[in-house]
PDB file of N, CA and C in Angstrom:
ATOM      1  N   MET A   1       1.040  -1.585  -0.044  1.00  0.00           N
ATOM      2  CA  MET A   1      -0.285   0.169   0.023  1.00  0.00           C
ATOM      3  C   MET A   1       0.727   1.345  -0.028  1.00  0.00           C
ATOM      4  N   ASN A   2       0.385   2.461  -0.915  1.00  0.00           N
ATOM      5  CA  ASN A   2       1.370   3.425  -1.087  1.00  0.00           C
ATOM      6  C   ASN A   2       0.663   4.458  -0.149  1.00  0.00           C
ATOM      7  N   PRO A   3       1.500   5.960   0.107  1.00  0.00           N
ATOM      8  CA  PRO A   3       0.692   7.020   0.886  1.00  0.00           C
ATOM      9  C   PRO A   3      -0.439   7.871  -0.299  1.00  0.00           C
ATOM     10  N   ASN A   4      -0.473   7.343  -1.573  1.00  0.00           N
ATOM     11  CA  ASN A   4      -1.559   7.345  -1.897  1.00  0.00           C
ATOM     12  C   ASN A   4      -2.887   7.067  -1.508  1.00  0.00           C
ATOM     13  N   GLN A   5      -2.736   6.156  -1.625  1.00  0.00           N
ATOM     14  CA  GLN A   5      -3.426   4.773  -1.427  1.00  0.00           C
ATOM     15  C   GLN A   5      -4.135   4.918   0.325  1.00  0.00           C
ATOM     16  N   VAL A   6      -3.055   4.957   1.186  1.00  0.00           N
ATOM     17  CA  VAL A   6      -3.586   5.186   2.342  1.00  0.00           C
ATOM     18  C   VAL A   6      -4.374   6.700   2.746  1.00  0.00           C
ATOM     19  N   SER A   7      -3.820   7.831   1.726  1.00  0.00           N
ATOM     20  CA  SER A   7      -4.577   8.931   1.703  1.00  0.00           C
ATOM     21  C   SER A   7      -6.317   8.899   1.756  1.00  0.00           C
ATOM     22  N   LEU A   8      -6.192   8.505   0.398  1.00  0.00           N
ATOM     23  CA  LEU A   8      -7.702   7.900   0.184  1.00  0.00           C
ATOM     24  C   LEU A   8      -8.431   7.132   1.041  1.00  0.00           C
ATOM     25  N   ILE A   9      -8.121   6.359   1.640  1.00  0.00           N
ATOM     26  CA  ILE A   9      -8.941   5.916   2.995  1.00  0.00           C
ATOM     27  C   ILE A   9      -9.203   6.682   3.708  1.00  0.00           C
ATOM     28  N   CYS A  10      -7.956   7.394   3.902  1.00  0.00           N
ATOM     29  CA  CYS A  10      -8.123   7.811   5.527  1.00  0.00           C
ATOM     30  C   CYS A  10      -9.820   9.013   4.949  1.00  0.00           C
ATOM     31  N   LYS A  11      -9.628   9.284   3.810  1.00  0.00           N
ATOM     32  CA  LYS A  11     -10.471  10.302   3.663  1.00  0.00           C
ATOM     33  C   LYS A  11     -11.705  10.162   3.081  1.00  0.00           C
ATOM     34  N   ALA A  12     -11.783   8.758   2.893  1.00  0.00           N
ATOM     35  CA  ALA A  12     -13.322   8.049   3.238  1.00  0.00           C
ATOM     36  C   ALA A  12     -13.356   7.527   4.406  1.00  0.00           C
ATOM     37  N   LEU A  13     -12.451   7.467   5.067  1.00  0.00           N
ATOM     38  CA  LEU A  13     -13.108   7.028   6.806  1.00  0.00           C
ATOM     39  C   LEU A  13     -13.357   8.724   7.402  1.00  0.00           C
ATOM     40  N   SER A  14     -12.832   9.480   6.401  1.00  0.00           N
ATOM     41  CA  SER A  14     -13.267  10.832   7.947  1.00  0.00           C
ATOM     42  C   SER A  14     -14.833  11.074   8.093  1.00  0.00           C
ATOM     43  N   ASP A  15     -15.494  10.155   7.909  1.00  0.00           N
ATOM     44  CA  ASP A  15     -17.003  10.666   8.056  1.00  0.00           C
ATOM     45  C   ASP A  15     -17.650   9.567   8.585  1.00  0.00           C
ATOM     46  N   PRO A  16     -17.846  10.080   9.584  1.00  0.00           N
ATOM     47  CA  PRO A  16     -18.651   9.075  10.759  1.00  0.00           C
ATOM     48  C   PRO A  16     -19.399   8.040  10.229  1.00  0.00           C
ATOM     49  N   ASN A  17     -20.461   8.661   9.211  1.00  0.00           N
ATOM     50  CA  ASN A  17     -21.492   7.289   8.762  1.00  0.00           C
ATOM     51  C   ASN A  17     -20.591   6.500   7.917  1.00  0.00           C
ATOM     52  N   ARG A  18     -19.433   6.940   7.204  1.00  0.00           N
ATOM     53  CA  ARG A  18     -18.517   5.872   6.227  1.00  0.00           C
ATOM     54  C   ARG A  18     -17.774   4.816   7.382  1.00  0.00           C
ATOM     55  N   ILE A  19     -17.228   5.522   8.566  1.00  0.00           N
ATOM     56  CA  ILE A  19     -16.995   4.248   9.337  1.00  0.00           C
ATOM     57  C   ILE A  19     -18.100   3.407  10.172  1.00  0.00           C
ATOM     58  N   ARG A  20     -19.364   3.851  10.186  1.00  0.00           N
ATOM     59  CA  ARG A  20     -20.386   3.084  11.119  1.00  0.00           C
ATOM     60  C   ARG A  20     -21.025   1.816   9.723  1.00  0.00           C
ATOM     61  N   ILE A  21     -20.304   2.417   8.389  1.00  0.00           N
ATOM     62  CA  ILE A  21     -21.054   1.724   7.443  1.00  0.00           C
ATOM     63  C   ILE A  21     -19.944   0.564   7.311  1.00  0.00           C
ATOM     64  N   ILE A  22     -18.678   0.740   7.321  1.00  0.00           N
ATOM     65  CA  ILE A  22     -17.178  -0.042   7.567  1.00  0.00           C
ATOM     66  C   ILE A  22     -18.269  -1.745   8.887  1.00  0.00           C
ATOM     67  N   GLN A  23     -18.441  -1.118   9.976  1.00  0.00           N
ATOM     68  CA  GLN A  23     -18.869  -1.360  10.943  1.00  0.00           C
ATOM     69  C   GLN A  23     -19.822  -2.445  10.959  1.00  0.00           C
ATOM     70  N   LEU A  24     -20.933  -2.011   9.919  1.00  0.00           N
ATOM     71  CA  LEU A  24     -21.666  -2.837   9.611  1.00  0.00           C
ATOM     72  C   LEU A  24     -21.467  -3.987   8.825  1.00  0.00           C
ATOM     73  N   LEU A  25     -20.090  -3.577   7.871  1.00  0.00           N
ATOM     74  CA  LEU A  25     -19.741  -4.277   7.049  1.00  0.00           C
ATOM     75  C   LEU A  25     -18.868  -5.552   7.520  1.00  0.00           C
ATOM     76  N   THR A  26     -18.688  -5.402   8.658  1.00  0.00           N
ATOM     77  CA  THR A  26     -17.782  -6.301   9.113  1.00  0.00           C
ATOM     78  C   THR A  26     -18.146  -7.849   9.857  1.00  0.00           C
ATOM     79  N   SER A  27     -19.385  -7.940   8.985  1.00  0.00           N
ATOM     80  CA  SER A  27     -20.277  -9.080  10.092  1.00  0.00           C
ATOM     81  C   SER A  27     -20.732  -9.709   8.545  1.00  0.00           C
ATOM     82  N   GLY A  28     -20.811  -9.230   7.562  1.00  0.00           N
ATOM     83  CA  GLY A  28     -20.742  -9.672   6.090  1.00  0.00           C
ATOM     84  C   GLY A  28     -21.484  -9.024   5.257  1.00  0.00           C
ATOM     85  N   GLU A  29     -21.519  -9.512   3.886  1.00  0.00           N
ATOM     86  CA  GLU A  29     -22.597  -9.033   2.922  1.00  0.00           C
ATOM     87  C   GLU A  29     -23.619  -8.310   3.426  1.00  0.00           C
ATOM     88  N   LYS A  30     -23.936  -7.055   3.011  1.00  0.00           N
ATOM     89  CA  LYS A  30     -25.275  -6.178   3.546  1.00  0.00           C
ATOM     90  C   LYS A  30     -26.129  -5.730   2.046  1.00  0.00           C
ATOM     91  N   CYS A  31     -27.421  -5.744   1.936  1.00  0.00           N
ATOM     92  CA  CYS A  31     -27.739  -5.047   0.979  1.00  0.00           C
ATOM     93  C   CYS A  31     -28.437  -3.347   0.933  1.00  0.00           C
ATOM     94  N   GLY A  32     -28.298  -2.836   0.266  1.00  0.00           N
ATOM     95  CA  GLY A  32     -28.416  -1.117   0.221  1.00  0.00           C
ATOM     96  C   GLY A  32     -29.693  -1.008   1.363  1.00  0.00           C
ATOM     97  N   CYS A  33     -30.260  -2.067   0.992  1.00  0.00           N
ATOM     98  CA  CYS A  33     -31.800  -1.702   1.362  1.00  0.00           C
ATOM     99  C   CYS A  33     -31.603  -1.910   3.371  1.00  0.00           C
ATOM    100  N   ASP A  34     -30.868  -3.015   3.695  1.00  0.00           N
ATOM    101  CA  ASP A  34     -30.623  -3.254   5.037  1.00  0.00           C
ATOM    102  C   ASP A  34     -29.607  -2.289   5.600  1.00  0.00           C
ATOM    103  N   LEU A  35     -28.701  -1.498   4.999  1.00  0.00           N
ATOM    104  CA  LEU A  35     -27.714  -0.061   5.611  1.00  0.00           C
ATOM    105  C   LEU A  35     -28.597   0.858   5.569  1.00  0.00           C
ATOM    106  N   LEU A  36     -29.361   1.042   4.512  1.00  0.00           N
ATOM    107  CA  LEU A  36     -30.275   2.196   4.529  1.00  0.00           C
ATOM    108  C   LEU A  36     -31.520   2.203   5.927  1.00  0.00           C
ATOM    109  N   GLU A  37     -31.566   1.472   5.999  1.00  0.00           N
ATOM    110  CA  GLU A  37     -32.642   1.155   7.201  1.00  0.00           C
ATOM    111  C   GLU A  37     -32.006   1.350   8.614  1.00  0.00           C
ATOM    112  N   GLN A  38     -30.866   0.120   8.705  1.00  0.00           N
ATOM    113  CA  GLN A  38     -29.717   0.481  10.086  1.00  0.00           C
ATOM    114  C   GLN A  38     -29.264   2.124  10.171  1.00  0.00           C
ATOM    115  N   MET A  39     -28.999   2.849   8.856  1.00  0.00           N
ATOM    116  CA  MET A  39     -28.235   3.825   9.279  1.00  0.00           C
ATOM    117  C   MET A  39     -29.513   5.095   9.488  1.00  0.00           C
ATOM    118  N   GLN A  40     -30.529   4.790   8.404  1.00  0.00           N
ATOM    119  CA  GLN A  40     -31.425   5.392   8.966  1.00  0.00           C
ATOM    120  C   GLN A  40     -30.978   7.066   7.804  1.00  0.00           C
ATOM    121  N   ILE A  41     -30.915   6.874   6.532  1.00  0.00           N
ATOM    122  CA  ILE A  41     -30.480   8.063   5.899  1.00  0.00           C
ATOM    123  C   ILE A  41     -31.138   7.552   4.461  1.00  0.00           C
ATOM    124  N   THR A  42     -30.509   8.486   3.451  1.00  0.00           N
ATOM    125  CA  THR A  42     -31.632   8.468   2.543  1.00  0.00           C
ATOM    126  C   THR A  42     -31.226   7.667   1.515  1.00  0.00           C
ATOM    127  N   GLN A  43     -31.566   6.920   0.472  1.00  0.00           N
ATOM    128  CA  GLN A  43     -30.885   6.417  -0.929  1.00  0.00           C
ATOM    129  C   GLN A  43     -29.483   7.237  -1.179  1.00  0.00           C
ATOM    130  N   PRO A  44     -29.618   8.903  -1.811  1.00  0.00           N
ATOM    131  CA  PRO A  44     -29.329   9.406  -2.349  1.00  0.00           C
ATOM    132  C   PRO A  44     -27.645   9.760  -1.420  1.00  0.00           C
ATOM    133  N   THR A  45     -27.729  10.065  -0.207  1.00  0.00           N
ATOM    134  CA  THR A  45     -26.387  10.055   1.069  1.00  0.00           C
ATOM    135  C   THR A  45     -25.815   8.477   1.364  1.00  0.00           C
ATOM    136  N   LEU A  46     -26.693   7.500   1.310  1.00  0.00           N
ATOM    137  CA  LEU A  46     -26.226   6.174   1.080  1.00  0.00           C
ATOM    138  C   LEU A  46     -25.144   6.202   0.435  1.00  0.00           C
ATOM    139  N   SER A  47     -25.811   6.080  -1.371  1.00  0.00           N
ATOM    140  CA  SER A  47     -24.715   6.176  -2.733  1.00  0.00           C
ATOM    141  C   SER A  47     -23.690   7.076  -2.543  1.00  0.00           C
ATOM    142  N   HIS A  48     -23.851   8.223  -1.957  1.00  0.00           N
ATOM    143  CA  HIS A  48     -22.448   9.438  -1.897  1.00  0.00           C
ATOM    144  C   HIS A  48     -21.475   8.634  -0.774  1.00  0.00           C
ATOM    145  N   HIS A  49     -22.402   8.095   0.423  1.00  0.00           N
ATOM    146  CA  HIS A  49     -21.116   7.434   0.751  1.00  0.00           C
ATOM    147  C   HIS A  49     -20.349   6.180   0.235  1.00  0.00           C
ATOM    148  N   MET A  50     -21.005   5.322  -0.338  1.00  0.00           N
ATOM    149  CA  MET A  50     -20.850   3.986  -0.902  1.00  0.00           C
ATOM    150  C   MET A  50     -19.717   4.132  -1.910  1.00  0.00           C
ATOM    151  N   LYS A  51     -20.252   5.524  -2.535  1.00  0.00           N
ATOM    152  CA  LYS A  51     -19.474   5.539  -4.232  1.00  0.00           C
ATOM    153  C   LYS A  51     -17.771   6.101  -3.285  1.00  0.00           C
ATOM    154  N   ALA A  52     -17.509   6.931  -1.947  1.00  0.00           N
ATOM    155  CA  ALA A  52     -16.204   7.044  -1.407  1.00  0.00           C
ATOM    156  C   ALA A  52     -15.656   5.862  -1.020  1.00  0.00           C
ATOM    157  N   LEU A  53     -16.644   4.723   0.121  1.00  0.00           N
ATOM    158  CA  LEU A  53     -15.678   3.815  -0.029  1.00  0.00           C
ATOM    159  C   LEU A  53     -15.222   2.802  -0.971  1.00  0.00           C
ATOM    160  N   GLU A  54     -16.580   2.744  -2.047  1.00  0.00           N
ATOM    161  CA  GLU A  54     -15.798   1.748  -3.168  1.00  0.00           C
ATOM    162  C   GLU A  54     -14.070   2.202  -3.924  1.00  0.00           C
ATOM    163  N   GLY A  55     -14.639   4.019  -4.405  1.00  0.00           N
ATOM    164  CA  GLY A  55     -13.252   4.287  -4.427  1.00  0.00           C
ATOM    165  C   GLY A  55     -12.450   4.593  -3.951  1.00  0.00           C
ATOM    166  N   CYS A  56     -11.941   4.487  -2.744  1.00  0.00           N
ATOM    167  CA  CYS A  56     -10.423   3.875  -1.850  1.00  0.00           C
ATOM    168  C   CYS A  56     -10.440   2.371  -2.268  1.00  0.00           C
ATOM    169  N   GLY A  57     -11.492   1.583  -2.607  1.00  0.00           N
ATOM    170  CA  GLY A  57     -11.322   0.328  -2.507  1.00  0.00           C
ATOM    171  C   GLY A  57     -11.873  -0.520  -1.326  1.00  0.00           C
ATOM    172  N   LEU A  58     -12.292  -0.116  -0.127  1.00  0.00           N
ATOM    173  CA  LEU A  58     -12.709  -0.307   0.741  1.00  0.00           C
ATOM    174  C   LEU A  58     -13.767  -1.212   0.723  1.00  0.00           C
ATOM    175  N   VAL A  59     -14.601  -1.362  -0.154  1.00  0.00           N
ATOM    176  CA  VAL A  59     -16.168  -1.756  -0.238  1.00  0.00           C
ATOM    177  C   VAL A  59     -15.956  -2.250  -1.564  1.00  0.00           C
ATOM    178  N   CYS A  60     -16.843  -3.803  -1.868  1.00  0.00           N
ATOM    179  CA  CYS A  60     -16.895  -3.772  -3.252  1.00  0.00           C
ATOM    180  C   CYS A  60     -18.779  -3.900  -3.008  1.00  0.00           C
ATOM    181  N   ALA A  61     -19.157  -3.942  -4.363  1.00  0.00           N
ATOM    182  CA  ALA A  61     -20.825  -3.624  -4.679  1.00  0.00           C
ATOM    183  C   ALA A  61     -20.623  -4.633  -5.443  1.00  0.00           C
ATOM    184  N   GLU A  62     -22.093  -5.324  -5.500  1.00  0.00           N
ATOM    185  CA  GLU A  62     -22.465  -6.406  -6.637  1.00  0.00           C
ATOM    186  C   GLU A  62     -24.434  -6.373  -6.545  1.00  0.00           C
ATOM    187  N   LYS A  63     -24.528  -5.464  -7.721  1.00  0.00           N
ATOM    188  CA  LYS A  63     -26.094  -5.337  -8.165  1.00  0.00           C
ATOM    189  C   LYS A  63     -26.346  -6.543  -8.172  1.00  0.00           C
ATOM    190  N   LYS A  64     -27.853  -6.724  -7.590  1.00  0.00           N
ATOM    191  CA  LYS A  64     -28.408  -8.019  -7.018  1.00  0.00           C
ATOM    192  C   LYS A  64     -30.092  -7.607  -7.296  1.00  0.00           C
ATOM    193  N   GLY A  65     -30.820  -8.215  -8.499  1.00  0.00           N
ATOM    194  CA  GLY A  65     -31.841  -7.316  -9.019  1.00  0.00           C
ATOM    195  C   GLY A  65     -31.627  -5.574  -8.470  1.00  0.00           C
ATOM    196  N   LYS A  66     -32.817  -5.575  -7.815  1.00  0.00           N
ATOM    197  CA  LYS A  66     -33.317  -4.108  -7.827  1.00  0.00           C
ATOM    198  C   LYS A  66     -32.021  -3.377  -6.972  1.00  0.00           C
ATOM    199  N   TRP A  67     -31.417  -3.975  -6.451  1.00  0.00           N
ATOM    200  CA  TRP A  67     -30.147  -3.414  -4.386  1.00  0.00           C
ATOM    201  C   TRP A  67     -28.716  -3.939  -5.294  1.00  0.00           C
ATOM    202  N   SER A  68     -28.420  -2.929  -4.841  1.00  0.00           N
ATOM    203  CA  SER A  68     -26.295  -3.461  -4.702  1.00  0.00           C
ATOM    204  C   SER A  68     -26.214  -3.681  -3.201  1.00  0.00           C
ATOM    205  N   HIS A  69     -25.819  -4.969  -3.531  1.00  0.00           N
ATOM    206  CA  HIS A  69     -24.703  -5.783  -1.853  1.00  0.00           C
ATOM    207  C   HIS A  69     -23.580  -5.361  -2.296  1.00  0.00           C
ATOM    208  N   TYR A  70     -23.353  -4.887  -0.297  1.00  0.00           N
ATOM    209  CA  TYR A  70     -21.867  -4.492  -0.250  1.00  0.00           C
ATOM    210  C   TYR A  70     -21.082  -5.017   0.424  1.00  0.00           C
ATOM    211  N   SER A  71     -20.237  -5.595  -0.007  1.00  0.00           N
ATOM    212  CA  SER A  71     -19.082  -6.036   1.265  1.00  0.00           C
ATOM    213  C   SER A  71     -17.513  -5.572   1.932  1.00  0.00           C
ATOM    214  N   LEU A  72     -17.367  -5.566   2.626  1.00  0.00           N
ATOM    215  CA  LEU A  72     -16.291  -4.993   3.287  1.00  0.00           C
ATOM    216  C   LEU A  72     -14.828  -5.923   2.016  1.00  0.00           C
ATOM    217  N   ASN A  73     -13.860  -4.754   1.150  1.00  0.00           N
ATOM    218  CA  ASN A  73     -12.758  -5.459   0.986  1.00  0.00           C
ATOM    219  C   ASN A  73     -11.561  -5.773   2.010  1.00  0.00           C
ATOM    220  N   CYS A  74     -11.655  -7.330   2.365  1.00  0.00           N
ATOM    221  CA  CYS A  74     -10.673  -7.434   3.668  1.00  0.00           C
ATOM    222  C   CYS A  74      -9.039  -7.535   2.624  1.00  0.00           C
ATOM    223  N   ASP A  75      -9.203  -7.504   1.652  1.00  0.00           N
ATOM    224  CA  ASP A  75      -7.508  -7.471   1.723  1.00  0.00           C
ATOM    225  C   ASP A  75      -7.570  -6.266   1.644  1.00  0.00           C
ATOM    226  N   GLN A  76      -8.224  -5.066   1.246  1.00  0.00           N
ATOM    227  CA  GLN A  76      -7.946  -3.910   1.036  1.00  0.00           C
ATOM    228  C   GLN A  76      -7.893  -3.577   2.659  1.00  0.00           C
ATOM    229  N   TRP A  77      -8.781  -3.934   3.605  1.00  0.00           N
ATOM    230  CA  TRP A  77      -8.579  -3.155   4.841  1.00  0.00           C
ATOM    231  C   TRP A  77      -7.148  -3.999   5.952  1.00  0.00           C
ATOM    232  N   THR A  78      -7.056  -5.120   5.067  1.00  0.00           N
ATOM    233  CA  THR A  78      -5.666  -5.653   5.948  1.00  0.00           C
ATOM    234  C   THR A  78      -4.668  -4.861   5.737  1.00  0.00           C
ATOM    235  N   ALA A  79      -4.934  -4.552   4.317  1.00  0.00           N
ATOM    236  CA  ALA A  79      -3.460  -3.655   3.404  1.00  0.00           C
ATOM    237  C   ALA A  79      -3.330  -2.400   4.355  1.00  0.00           C
ATOM    238  N   PHE A  80      -4.254  -1.864   4.568  1.00  0.00           N
ATOM    239  CA  PHE A  80      -4.184  -0.350   5.395  1.00  0.00           C
ATOM    240  C   PHE A  80      -4.462  -0.583   6.580  1.00  0.00           C
ATOM    241  N   ARG A  81      -4.546  -1.472   7.136  1.00  0.00           N
ATOM    242  CA  ARG A  81      -4.198  -2.008   8.754  1.00  0.00           C
ATOM    243  C   ARG A  81      -2.938  -2.283   8.792  1.00  0.00           C
ATOM    244  N   ASP A  82      -2.446  -3.134   7.935  1.00  0.00           N
ATOM    245  CA  ASP A  82      -0.661  -2.984   8.107  1.00  0.00           C
ATOM    246  C   ASP A  82       0.073  -1.850   8.069  1.00  0.00           C
ATOM    247  N   TYR A  83      -0.316  -1.208   6.859  1.00  0.00           N
ATOM    248  CA  TYR A  83       0.431   0.287   6.925  1.00  0.00           C
ATOM    249  C   TYR A  83       0.505   0.989   7.762  1.00  0.00           C
ATOM    250  N   ILE A  84      -0.633   1.122   8.624  1.00  0.00           N
ATOM    251  CA  ILE A  84      -0.996   1.722   9.994  1.00  0.00           C
ATOM    252  C   ILE A  84      -0.270   1.307  11.090  1.00  0.00           C
ATOM    253  N   GLU A  85      -0.493   0.040  11.145  1.00  0.00           N
ATOM    254  CA  GLU A  85       0.348  -0.744  12.408  1.00  0.00           C
ATOM    255  C   GLU A  85       2.227  -0.498  11.744  1.00  0.00           C
ATOM    256  N   SER A  86       2.309  -0.140  10.943  1.00  0.00           N
ATOM    257  CA  SER A  86       3.925  -0.108  10.644  1.00  0.00           C
ATOM    258  C   SER A  86       4.665   1.188  10.713  1.00  0.00           C
ATOM    259  N   VAL A  87       3.337   2.457  10.967  1.00  0.00           N
ATOM    260  CA  VAL A  87       4.446   3.405  11.170  1.00  0.00           C
ATOM    261  C   VAL A  87       4.235   3.398  12.770  1.00  0.00           C
ATOM    262  N   ARG A  88       5.513   4.261  13.043  1.00  0.00           N
ATOM    263  CA  ARG A  88       5.827   4.135  14.546  1.00  0.00           C
ATOM    264  C   ARG A  88       6.823   4.932  15.381  1.00  0.00           C
ATOM    265  N   CYS A  89       6.396   5.673  16.356  1.00  0.00           N
ATOM    266  CA  CYS A  89       7.046   6.612  16.876  1.00  0.00           C
ATOM    267  C   CYS A  89       8.378   6.107  17.476  1.00  0.00           C
ATOM    268  N   ALA A  90       9.376   6.941  17.050  1.00  0.00           N
ATOM    269  CA  ALA A  90      10.689   6.738  16.871  1.00  0.00           C
ATOM    270  C   ALA A  90      10.420   7.193  18.680  1.00  0.00           C
ATOM    271  N   GLY A  91      10.417   7.697  19.802  1.00  0.00           N
ATOM    272  CA  GLY A  91      10.202   7.353  21.005  1.00  0.00           C
ATOM    273  C   GLY A  91       9.281   6.094  21.873  1.00  0.00           C
ATOM    274  N   ALA A  92       8.696   5.268  20.950  1.00  0.00           N
ATOM    275  CA  ALA A  92       7.742   4.306  21.415  1.00  0.00           C
ATOM    276  C   ALA A  92       8.545   3.649  22.625  1.00  0.00           C
ATOM    277  N   GLU A  93       9.784   3.674  23.016  1.00  0.00           N
ATOM    278  CA  GLU A  93      10.209   2.895  24.015  1.00  0.00           C
ATOM    279  C   GLU A  93       9.994   3.547  24.883  1.00  0.00           C
ATOM    280  N   LYS A  94       9.704   5.233  25.164  1.00  0.00           N
ATOM    281  CA  LYS A  94       9.938   6.032  26.558  1.00  0.00           C
ATOM    282  C   LYS A  94       8.854   5.421  26.806  1.00  0.00           C
ATOM    283  N   ALA A  95       8.762   6.145  28.343  1.00  0.00           N
ATOM    284  CA  ALA A  95       7.620   6.160  29.276  1.00  0.00           C
ATOM    285  C   ALA A  95       6.358   6.224  28.359  1.00  0.00           C
ATOM    286  N   GLU A  96       5.075   5.918  29.025  1.00  0.00           N
ATOM    287  CA  GLU A  96       3.793   6.050  28.062  1.00  0.00           C
ATOM    288  C   GLU A  96       3.741   7.324  28.161  1.00  0.00           C
ATOM    289  N   TRP A  97       3.639   8.378  28.764  1.00  0.00           N
ATOM    290  CA  TRP A  97       3.031   9.340  28.740  1.00  0.00           C
ATOM    291  C   TRP A  97       4.305  10.763  28.348  1.00  0.00           C
ATOM    292  N   GLU A  98       5.317  10.075  27.961  1.00  0.00           N
ATOM    293  CA  GLU A  98       6.491  11.031  27.965  1.00  0.00           C
ATOM    294  C   GLU A  98       6.172  10.809  26.826  1.00  0.00           C
ATOM    295  N   CYS A  99       6.160  12.659  26.063  1.00  0.00           N
ATOM    296  CA  CYS A  99       6.037  12.723  24.614  1.00  0.00           C
ATOM    297  C   CYS A  99       6.893  12.691  23.769  1.00  0.00           C
ATOM    298  N   CYS A 100       7.047  11.901  22.622  1.00  0.00           N
ATOM    299  CA  CYS A 100       8.441  11.385  21.491  1.00  0.00           C
ATOM    300  C   CYS A 100       8.729  12.512  21.062  1.00  0.00           C
ATOM    301  N   CYS A 101       8.026  13.826  21.102  1.00  0.00           N
ATOM    302  CA  CYS A 101       8.825  14.541  20.238  1.00  0.00           C
ATOM    303  C   CYS A 101       9.096  16.020  21.030  1.00  0.00           C
ATOM    304  N   SER A 102       9.744  15.337  22.613  1.00  0.00           N
ATOM    305  CA  SER A 102      10.531  16.515  23.575  1.00  0.00           C
ATOM    306  C   SER A 102      11.599  16.526  22.651  1.00  0.00           C
TER     307      SER A 102
END
């Protein structure tokens, strides 16, 4: 994962509704109708959020009849998580409350 991909994901996750959608998708694929019901948002608003989540690769969509079904792209999520976990503070070995920038 490169810094541009990480930036796109961070931008997509900067909205609390999108974080909630990601949380809902961790339990498996969801129909757009289910997300609308659980999120209590309008269909155009859901489409806006899903476009951002699909655009950064975190969510996959599949059209099934009238509705789109969404799932978490676990490979992309894992790559993002691994990238974030690899970022370490140079002063991480210092005391818990000591600032590493001092």
